[in-house]
Every structure is written in C-alpha cells, then in structure tokens.
Amino acid sequence: MSDGPLAGIRIIEVCHVLAGPFSSMILGDLGADVIKVEPPGGDMARNITSKFTGPYNDYFASLNRNKRSVVLDLNTLEGQARLGELAADAHGLITNLRPETIRRFGLTYEQLRRHNEALVCVALTGFGLDGPYADKPAYDYIVQALTGVMTLTGDPGAAPTKAGYSAVDNSTGMMGAVGMLAKIIEGKGGQVDVSLFDTMLSQLNYLASGYLNHGSVPQRTANSAHPYMVPAQVFESRDGFLMLFVSTDKFWKKFCDVAGWPERADDPQFATMTARSENRKAVIAAVAELLRGETTAHWVDLLGQEGLVVSGVETLDQALDGDIAQSREMIAVIPTPDGALRVVGNPIKMSDHQQRYGLPPLLGEHTEEVLGRLPKAVAAK
C-alpha cells in the first residue's frame, strides 16, 4: 500500500492463524507496509479450508490482504539475523506465537533493541509473556471458557455455549493494533504485552463491575435478553423472530402507543425501567403474546418508522448480501486470474482516504524483493 494514514510505517508480522494476522491486516488496510514473515511451510492458515480461488485460500485471504510474504526459518541463526536486519528500519513487530517460542526466535524488544531502539514489539499471547500461566496453551475457545463467556451465552439450562465467531482472537487483534499505534505515536520503542485472557475479561466490563462492587454474579437470560433492560431480547413473531430493544421509559411509552397498547404505557408494573426489571416475567410474557400476533416484517416496519430499535434476525449470508453491507461498501472484490476474490472490507471509513485492497501474498512471494534490499546477513549475536 502506497497511501493511507499509515503510509511510511513498516510492520513485521511473525504470526499464524488469526489474532496476529488480523491485527496487522488492520494496519495494512490503513496503509502500513506489512511484511509477513513465514516459516518454510507457511502460515497454517493457508490450508485451513479446502475452498480456494485459484491459489488463494478463503480463510487465509480473509486475514492477510495488503501484505508482503517473506520466508525465513527462525529456527536458524541465519534466519534470526535476517529478521534483525528487517527490524532495523521497521516501526513495529507483532507476533502471536507462544512465549517460549517468541523468546527462542528472538522476537522480544529486549532481544531486538540492539537493531532498533525505536522498534515497538507487540506480543499477543494466551495469558501474557510472563507469569505462572505464560506457557499454558490457549485458543479462542479456551479463553471463552475461562472468562465466563460460555456460561453467559445461550439459554438457561443449555450446555456452556461459545460465541458464534472468534470473539477472543478478533478482539485481541484489535487491541494489539491499538497498542502498536500508541507506542509508535509516542515515538519510543518497547514491549507491548496483550493477552487473550485480559482482553476478553476487559470486554465483560459492566457485568464484571456488578460482581466486583456488589457481588452480583451474572446469569444467563432466555432469548438473549439484556440483563438490565426490559424488554430487550429476541421475540418470536408469527413467521419468525425479531430483536426488540426498549432502552428507556420514553421508548416504552412510544412502543405502547405505536403497538396500540395504551393501557400498558402507564401500568405501574410496566411504566418505568425499574418496574419492568422487577416484573420481567410479566412484561416479557405480555410483549411476547403481542408480538406473536403479526409477522416480523409488520413489526419492523411499524415500530422502525417511529424510531424504535427493532430488526429481524438474519443469517450471515443475508447480512453479506443485504442492503446495509452494500451501502457501507463492506464487501471488497479483489480481481484474480481465476475470478473475483471477495472479502469483508475494513470498517474504518475516512473522508480523505479511499480504501484499497490488495491480494493476500503467495508464500514467499516477496522474499527476494524485501530481503534483496538488505545487506548480507551477519551472524546472530
């Protein structure tokens, strides 16, 4: 990428699969020159699915556009020396390997600062670079299990349930990008330590606060209901489901007026947020009975026109093919000799920058281009 707000920033990525590649892709989308350092066999994400557009694997393509690929064997002194040369004129390095491997490959700030004092090193790990849990293996699923996310997801009585996508990995990738940019803006090199566990725990914010301050242990609520606001959940309609979110007393009154339910607007059991919370079962039962009488489209049109927060419940394919994604230009089409490669675009829109999308790199595609400009490798110190 030759333009964008991060043009001129060079990032080295030594990552695999999801959190790290997603983090550096965000920076690459914004114009940074991302050099993806891969082992001779490549990032395992290159073969996670059997779906390819020509040589481009769907999974890998979704996380690795706008990058250049260099093959280095970091198990060797020569490979580590070449990495040090790359680090000499880079702004940052991001990795999501295990702490033991990060140190063995020489990917910490303390190990690389001799090449570049201003280098920012970001480590995305399961439980941190140091500490008693540092080398415990961790994946998105494991961290969802350990932070309570699985016990908060799904209906009461069901088995612990994970979120329907890689919530931990994606969130940690975004935190890593923020940490990287914060240190680059500061203008000082150093180590940034972001863990999957810490990231997910931080996202439980108000639920955690209720426990930390008042001992309130959050419980699952049926139909994806909000723990405090009522009614704010999935309801069944005559032909499917809809999501209704009534967040204030003002909206409750409006809902009652629009739905032809004036007697409920000022009912003491229903009229205030506190009353609705205390009488949750009665409120939900009454609203559920009302909404089952008409179709989802009826309620979305009727309530939506009055500014109430309501929607149908759509599948991923409906969302990707829908009008909102199209209007937001969220589906990017990258031409290849074998046909169009379609990916979800970057959500960051800027008034003075038109987002461009490049193909994900083939394994080692830019090794000579990138390493050829460097002086001959010296022995690793």
Protein backbone atom coordinates (compact mmCIF):
# COMPACT_ATOMS: atom_id res chain seq x y z
CA MET A 1 0.00 0.00 0.00
CA SER A 2 1.49 3.35 -1.04
CA ASP A 3 -1.13 5.58 0.52
CA GLY A 4 -3.34 5.83 3.58
CA PRO A 5 -2.80 7.38 7.00
CA LEU A 6 -0.13 4.79 7.89
CA ALA A 7 1.86 5.13 4.67
CA GLY A 8 5.55 5.01 5.54
CA ILE A 9 5.02 2.77 8.57
CA ARG A 10 6.60 -0.67 8.27
CA ILE A 11 5.35 -3.58 10.38
CA ILE A 12 6.90 -7.03 10.61
CA GLU A 13 4.42 -9.81 11.30
CA VAL A 14 5.55 -13.17 12.69
CA CYS A 15 2.15 -14.76 13.23
CA HIS A 16 -0.19 -17.56 12.33
CA VAL A 17 -3.90 -18.21 12.00
CA LEU A 18 -6.00 -15.35 13.41
CA ALA A 19 -5.31 -12.80 16.19
CA GLY A 20 -1.91 -11.63 14.92
CA PRO A 21 -2.68 -11.67 11.20
CA PHE A 22 -5.95 -9.80 11.82
CA SER A 23 -4.11 -7.20 13.88
CA SER A 24 -1.50 -6.48 11.22
CA MET A 25 -4.11 -6.59 8.42
CA ILE A 26 -5.90 -3.68 10.10
CA LEU A 27 -2.64 -1.72 9.90
CA GLY A 28 -2.04 -2.84 6.32
CA ASP A 29 -5.51 -1.73 5.27
CA LEU A 30 -4.65 1.72 6.63
CA GLY A 31 -1.52 1.95 4.53
CA ALA A 32 1.24 0.33 6.57
CA ASP A 33 3.78 -1.83 4.75
CA VAL A 34 3.22 -5.20 6.44
CA ILE A 35 5.93 -7.80 5.90
CA LYS A 36 4.60 -11.22 6.83
CA VAL A 37 7.47 -13.49 7.88
CA GLU A 38 6.50 -17.14 7.39
CA PRO A 39 8.31 -20.43 8.03
CA PRO A 40 9.23 -22.57 5.03
CA GLY A 41 5.89 -24.40 5.32
CA GLY A 42 3.92 -21.18 5.57
CA ASP A 43 1.23 -19.93 7.95
CA MET A 44 -1.03 -22.92 8.72
CA ALA A 45 -4.00 -20.71 7.79
CA ARG A 46 -3.05 -21.20 4.13
CA ASN A 47 -4.60 -24.67 4.26
CA ILE A 48 -7.29 -24.47 6.95
CA THR A 49 -10.15 -24.76 4.46
CA SER A 50 -10.49 -26.60 1.15
CA LYS A 51 -12.06 -23.55 -0.50
CA PHE A 52 -9.71 -21.76 -2.91
CA THR A 53 -10.00 -19.10 -5.60
CA GLY A 54 -7.03 -20.14 -7.70
CA PRO A 55 -4.14 -20.29 -5.19
CA TYR A 56 -5.94 -18.13 -2.62
CA ASN A 57 -7.47 -19.94 0.34
CA ASP A 58 -10.66 -18.34 1.70
CA TYR A 59 -9.55 -18.46 5.34
CA PHE A 60 -6.07 -17.08 4.68
CA ALA A 61 -7.37 -14.39 2.33
CA SER A 62 -9.76 -13.08 4.98
CA LEU A 63 -6.82 -12.23 7.28
CA ASN A 64 -3.84 -11.47 5.08
CA ARG A 65 -4.61 -8.96 2.32
CA ASN A 66 -2.35 -5.94 1.81
CA LYS A 67 0.80 -7.75 2.99
CA ARG A 68 4.08 -8.98 1.55
CA SER A 69 5.28 -12.51 2.32
CA VAL A 70 8.88 -13.37 3.19
CA VAL A 71 10.07 -16.87 4.07
CA LEU A 72 12.60 -17.13 6.91
CA ASP A 73 13.49 -20.11 9.06
CA LEU A 74 13.68 -18.56 12.52
CA ASN A 75 14.90 -21.85 13.94
CA THR A 76 18.28 -20.94 12.43
CA LEU A 77 20.79 -18.25 13.40
CA GLU A 78 20.80 -17.03 9.81
CA GLY A 79 17.03 -16.61 9.82
CA GLN A 80 17.13 -14.69 13.09
CA ALA A 81 19.94 -12.49 11.76
CA ARG A 82 17.90 -11.64 8.68
CA LEU A 83 14.93 -10.82 10.87
CA GLY A 84 17.15 -8.45 12.85
CA GLU A 85 18.07 -6.68 9.62
CA LEU A 86 14.40 -6.31 8.77
CA ALA A 87 13.79 -4.87 12.23
CA ALA A 88 16.49 -2.25 11.76
CA ASP A 89 14.23 0.02 9.68
CA ALA A 90 10.81 -1.19 10.86
CA HIS A 91 8.47 0.63 13.20
CA GLY A 92 6.93 -2.42 14.79
CA LEU A 93 6.86 -6.19 15.06
CA ILE A 94 3.80 -8.20 16.00
CA THR A 95 3.71 -11.87 16.93
CA ASN A 96 1.15 -14.27 18.38
CA LEU A 97 3.38 -17.29 19.00
CA ARG A 98 3.69 -18.89 22.42
CA PRO A 99 6.00 -17.01 24.86
CA GLU A 100 8.64 -19.75 24.82
CA THR A 101 8.74 -19.63 21.01
CA ILE A 102 8.74 -15.83 20.95
CA ARG A 103 11.91 -15.82 23.06
CA ARG A 104 13.53 -18.72 21.21
CA PHE A 105 13.04 -16.88 17.91
CA GLY A 106 14.34 -13.61 19.39
CA LEU A 107 11.12 -11.64 18.94
CA THR A 108 11.02 -9.57 22.14
CA TYR A 109 12.04 -5.93 22.43
CA GLU A 110 14.96 -6.81 24.69
CA GLN A 111 16.29 -9.18 22.04
CA LEU A 112 15.72 -6.85 19.08
CA ARG A 113 16.51 -3.41 20.53
CA ARG A 114 20.17 -3.73 19.51
CA HIS A 115 18.95 -3.47 15.92
CA ASN A 116 16.49 -0.63 16.51
CA GLU A 117 15.87 1.19 19.83
CA ALA A 118 12.61 2.66 18.45
CA LEU A 119 11.10 -0.69 17.49
CA VAL A 120 7.69 -1.49 19.03
CA CYS A 121 7.26 -5.21 19.74
CA VAL A 122 3.69 -6.45 20.29
CA ALA A 123 3.15 -9.94 21.70
CA LEU A 124 -0.36 -11.40 21.55
CA THR A 125 -0.42 -14.43 23.84
CA GLY A 126 -2.92 -16.51 25.77
CA PHE A 127 -2.00 -15.35 29.28
CA GLY A 128 0.84 -12.85 28.87
CA LEU A 129 4.55 -13.02 28.15
CA ASP A 130 5.41 -13.68 31.78
CA GLY A 131 3.81 -15.17 34.87
CA PRO A 132 2.74 -18.62 36.07
CA TYR A 133 0.33 -19.15 33.15
CA ALA A 134 2.50 -17.72 30.38
CA ASP A 135 3.27 -21.01 28.67
CA LYS A 136 -0.14 -22.57 29.15
CA PRO A 137 -1.60 -23.21 25.68
CA ALA A 138 -4.62 -21.08 24.82
CA TYR A 139 -7.09 -20.76 21.99
CA ASP A 140 -10.15 -18.61 21.50
CA TYR A 141 -12.42 -21.42 22.73
CA ILE A 142 -10.34 -21.96 25.89
CA VAL A 143 -10.39 -18.28 26.84
CA GLN A 144 -14.15 -18.07 26.27
CA ALA A 145 -14.43 -20.99 28.68
CA LEU A 146 -12.10 -19.46 31.30
CA THR A 147 -13.58 -15.94 31.37
CA GLY A 148 -17.22 -16.90 31.85
CA VAL A 149 -18.30 -16.07 28.32
CA MET A 150 -19.57 -19.59 27.69
CA THR A 151 -21.68 -19.60 30.84
CA LEU A 152 -23.23 -16.27 29.82
CA THR A 153 -24.10 -17.32 26.26
CA GLY A 154 -27.19 -19.27 25.28
CA ASP A 155 -30.40 -20.06 27.14
CA PRO A 156 -30.58 -21.11 30.81
CA GLY A 157 -30.22 -24.86 31.22
CA ALA A 158 -28.27 -25.33 27.99
CA ALA A 159 -24.67 -26.52 27.87
CA PRO A 160 -21.99 -23.79 28.07
CA THR A 161 -22.01 -22.13 24.67
CA LYS A 162 -19.31 -20.24 22.80
CA ALA A 163 -19.92 -17.12 20.78
CA GLY A 164 -20.66 -17.92 17.14
CA TYR A 165 -17.39 -16.47 15.87
CA SER A 166 -13.80 -16.00 17.10
CA ALA A 167 -14.66 -13.18 19.50
CA VAL A 168 -11.47 -13.50 21.59
CA ASP A 169 -8.99 -13.68 18.71
CA ASN A 170 -10.55 -10.80 16.81
CA SER A 171 -10.81 -8.59 19.88
CA THR A 172 -7.21 -9.29 20.85
CA GLY A 173 -6.07 -8.45 17.34
CA MET A 174 -7.74 -5.05 17.57
CA MET A 175 -6.19 -4.41 20.99
CA GLY A 176 -2.79 -5.30 19.56
CA ALA A 177 -3.20 -2.77 16.75
CA VAL A 178 -4.19 -0.07 19.26
CA GLY A 179 -1.18 -0.88 21.45
CA MET A 180 1.14 -0.81 18.45
CA LEU A 181 -0.11 2.58 17.26
CA ALA A 182 0.01 4.07 20.77
CA LYS A 183 3.72 3.30 21.09
CA ILE A 184 4.53 4.40 17.54
CA ILE A 185 2.81 7.75 18.19
CA GLU A 186 4.71 8.06 21.46
CA GLY A 187 7.90 7.69 19.47
CA LYS A 188 9.54 5.23 21.85
CA GLY A 189 10.32 1.60 21.33
CA GLY A 190 9.29 -1.03 23.83
CA GLN A 191 7.37 -4.18 24.56
CA VAL A 192 3.56 -4.34 24.34
CA ASP A 193 2.01 -7.34 26.10
CA VAL A 194 -1.62 -8.13 25.16
CA SER A 195 -3.21 -11.40 26.25
CA LEU A 196 -6.36 -13.13 25.04
CA PHE A 197 -7.47 -13.63 28.64
CA ASP A 198 -7.04 -9.98 29.65
CA THR A 199 -8.77 -8.76 26.51
CA MET A 200 -11.86 -10.89 26.98
CA LEU A 201 -12.09 -10.10 30.68
CA SER A 202 -11.95 -6.37 29.88
CA GLN A 203 -14.87 -6.74 27.48
CA LEU A 204 -17.09 -8.05 30.26
CA ASN A 205 -16.85 -4.51 31.75
CA TYR A 206 -20.27 -3.74 33.29
CA LEU A 207 -21.01 -7.38 34.08
CA ALA A 208 -17.69 -7.66 35.89
CA SER A 209 -18.32 -4.36 37.68
CA GLY A 210 -21.58 -5.68 39.12
CA TYR A 211 -19.73 -8.60 40.68
CA LEU A 212 -16.62 -6.68 41.79
CA ASN A 213 -18.62 -3.97 43.55
CA HIS A 214 -21.76 -5.73 44.73
CA GLY A 215 -21.16 -9.46 44.41
CA SER A 216 -23.74 -9.82 41.62
CA VAL A 217 -22.94 -12.92 39.61
CA PRO A 218 -24.42 -12.52 36.10
CA GLN A 219 -26.70 -15.30 34.91
CA ARG A 220 -27.90 -16.41 31.52
CA THR A 221 -31.16 -14.92 30.38
CA ALA A 222 -33.54 -16.62 27.97
CA ASN A 223 -33.81 -15.42 24.37
CA SER A 224 -30.61 -13.34 24.52
CA ALA A 225 -32.22 -10.88 26.92
CA HIS A 226 -30.30 -7.89 28.27
CA PRO A 227 -29.53 -8.38 31.98
CA TYR A 228 -30.90 -4.97 32.99
CA MET A 229 -33.12 -3.53 30.26
CA VAL A 230 -36.61 -4.98 29.74
CA PRO A 231 -37.88 -5.74 27.11
CA ALA A 232 -34.63 -6.08 25.19
CA GLN A 233 -34.30 -9.51 23.60
CA VAL A 234 -35.31 -11.84 20.79
CA PHE A 235 -39.07 -12.41 20.43
CA GLU A 236 -41.00 -14.85 18.26
CA SER A 237 -43.27 -13.35 15.63
CA ARG A 238 -45.98 -15.03 13.57
CA ASP A 239 -43.46 -16.13 10.95
CA GLY A 240 -40.03 -15.99 12.60
CA PHE A 241 -38.09 -13.87 15.08
CA LEU A 242 -37.27 -10.24 15.76
CA MET A 243 -34.99 -8.34 18.07
CA LEU A 244 -36.67 -5.59 20.08
CA PHE A 245 -34.65 -3.27 22.32
CA VAL A 246 -36.57 -0.85 24.55
CA SER A 247 -33.88 1.02 26.48
CA THR A 248 -35.75 3.94 28.13
CA ASP A 249 -39.14 4.81 29.58
CA LYS A 250 -39.65 7.22 26.70
CA PHE A 251 -39.25 4.38 24.21
CA TRP A 252 -41.51 2.14 26.28
CA LYS A 253 -44.31 4.72 26.05
CA LYS A 254 -43.73 5.10 22.33
CA PHE A 255 -43.76 1.33 21.86
CA CYS A 256 -47.10 1.08 23.66
CA ASP A 257 -48.59 3.94 21.64
CA VAL A 258 -47.46 2.55 18.27
CA ALA A 259 -48.42 -1.04 19.10
CA GLY A 260 -51.92 0.01 20.14
CA TRP A 261 -51.29 -0.84 23.77
CA PRO A 262 -52.09 2.42 25.64
CA GLU A 263 -53.19 0.64 28.81
CA ARG A 264 -49.63 -0.68 29.32
CA ALA A 265 -47.91 2.69 28.95
CA ASP A 266 -48.79 3.87 32.46
CA ASP A 267 -49.31 0.50 34.14
CA PRO A 268 -47.27 0.67 37.41
CA GLN A 269 -45.77 -2.76 36.70
CA PHE A 270 -44.60 -1.66 33.25
CA ALA A 271 -44.14 2.11 33.15
CA THR A 272 -40.58 2.52 34.49
CA MET A 273 -37.30 0.79 33.82
CA THR A 274 -37.11 -0.33 37.44
CA ALA A 275 -40.64 -1.71 37.38
CA ARG A 276 -40.06 -3.59 34.14
CA SER A 277 -36.88 -5.12 35.55
CA GLU A 278 -38.61 -6.17 38.78
CA ASN A 279 -41.55 -7.61 36.83
CA ARG A 280 -39.50 -9.10 33.99
CA LYS A 281 -41.55 -12.29 33.62
CA ALA A 282 -44.86 -10.47 33.37
CA VAL A 283 -43.51 -7.87 30.93
CA ILE A 284 -41.86 -10.45 28.68
CA ALA A 285 -44.94 -12.68 28.66
CA ALA A 286 -47.22 -9.80 27.68
CA VAL A 287 -44.90 -8.46 24.98
CA ALA A 288 -44.31 -11.96 23.60
CA GLU A 289 -48.03 -12.58 23.27
CA LEU A 290 -48.49 -9.27 21.45
CA LEU A 291 -45.62 -9.78 19.01
CA ARG A 292 -46.66 -13.33 18.08
CA GLY A 293 -49.80 -11.88 16.52
CA GLU A 294 -48.05 -10.31 13.50
CA THR A 295 -45.15 -11.02 11.13
CA THR A 296 -41.59 -9.86 11.66
CA ALA A 297 -41.85 -7.51 8.66
CA HIS A 298 -45.00 -5.94 10.12
CA TRP A 299 -43.32 -5.10 13.42
CA VAL A 300 -40.06 -3.94 11.84
CA ASP A 301 -41.92 -1.57 9.54
CA LEU A 302 -44.40 -0.32 12.14
CA LEU A 303 -42.00 0.18 15.02
CA GLY A 304 -39.00 1.15 12.94
CA GLN A 305 -40.82 4.05 11.33
CA GLU A 306 -41.28 5.56 14.79
CA GLY A 307 -37.59 5.30 15.68
CA LEU A 308 -37.84 2.25 17.90
CA VAL A 309 -34.89 -0.14 17.94
CA VAL A 310 -36.10 -3.28 16.18
CA SER A 311 -34.90 -5.66 13.49
CA GLY A 312 -35.38 -9.08 12.03
CA VAL A 313 -32.88 -11.83 12.93
CA GLU A 314 -30.82 -12.54 9.84
CA THR A 315 -28.30 -15.17 8.86
CA LEU A 316 -24.74 -14.28 7.86
CA ASP A 317 -25.45 -14.78 4.16
CA GLN A 318 -28.45 -12.44 4.40
CA ALA A 319 -26.27 -9.82 6.09
CA LEU A 320 -23.49 -10.13 3.49
CA ASP A 321 -25.94 -9.92 0.58
CA GLY A 322 -28.09 -7.25 2.20
CA ASP A 323 -28.57 -3.56 1.58
CA ILE A 324 -26.71 -2.37 4.68
CA ALA A 325 -23.46 -4.14 3.76
CA GLN A 326 -23.78 -2.85 0.20
CA SER A 327 -24.46 0.73 1.25
CA ARG A 328 -21.47 0.65 3.60
CA GLU A 329 -19.23 -0.84 0.87
CA MET A 330 -18.28 -3.64 3.22
CA ILE A 331 -17.78 -6.33 0.58
CA ALA A 332 -14.50 -5.87 -1.27
CA VAL A 333 -13.88 -7.55 -4.61
CA ILE A 334 -10.24 -8.30 -5.46
CA PRO A 335 -9.65 -9.44 -9.07
CA THR A 336 -7.53 -12.56 -9.67
CA PRO A 337 -6.77 -14.50 -12.87
CA ASP A 338 -9.10 -17.20 -11.55
CA GLY A 339 -12.05 -14.93 -10.80
CA ALA A 340 -13.11 -12.47 -8.16
CA LEU A 341 -11.91 -12.95 -4.58
CA ARG A 342 -14.50 -11.43 -2.25
CA VAL A 343 -13.63 -10.42 1.31
CA VAL A 344 -15.23 -8.39 4.10
CA GLY A 345 -13.75 -4.91 3.96
CA ASN A 346 -12.24 -2.66 6.60
CA PRO A 347 -14.88 -0.99 8.81
CA ILE A 348 -12.82 2.20 9.29
CA LYS A 349 -14.03 4.87 6.86
CA MET A 350 -12.12 8.11 6.33
CA SER A 351 -13.30 11.20 4.48
CA ASP A 352 -9.97 11.75 2.71
CA HIS A 353 -8.90 8.18 2.00
CA GLN A 354 -10.39 5.61 -0.35
CA GLN A 355 -9.67 2.11 0.91
CA ARG A 356 -7.79 -0.14 -1.49
CA TYR A 357 -7.45 -3.91 -1.21
CA GLY A 358 -4.53 -5.96 -2.47
CA LEU A 359 -4.33 -9.72 -2.90
CA PRO A 360 -3.05 -11.80 0.01
CA PRO A 361 0.55 -12.79 -0.75
CA LEU A 362 1.59 -16.16 -2.05
CA LEU A 363 4.05 -17.95 0.22
CA GLY A 364 7.44 -16.27 -0.12
CA GLU A 365 6.22 -14.11 -2.98
CA HIS A 366 8.23 -11.09 -1.79
CA THR A 367 11.27 -12.76 -0.23
CA GLU A 368 13.73 -11.55 -2.86
CA GLU A 369 12.06 -8.14 -3.17
CA VAL A 370 12.29 -7.48 0.57
CA LEU A 371 15.49 -9.25 1.56
CA GLY A 372 17.34 -8.29 -1.59
CA ARG A 373 17.50 -4.68 -0.46
CA LEU A 374 19.21 -5.66 2.81
CA PRO A 375 22.95 -6.01 3.37
CA LYS A 376 24.35 -9.50 3.66
CA ALA A 377 23.26 -11.17 6.88
CA VAL A 378 25.68 -11.10 9.77
CA ALA A 379 25.96 -13.79 12.38
CA ALA A 380 23.37 -13.51 15.11
CA LYS A 381 24.80 -12.11 18.31
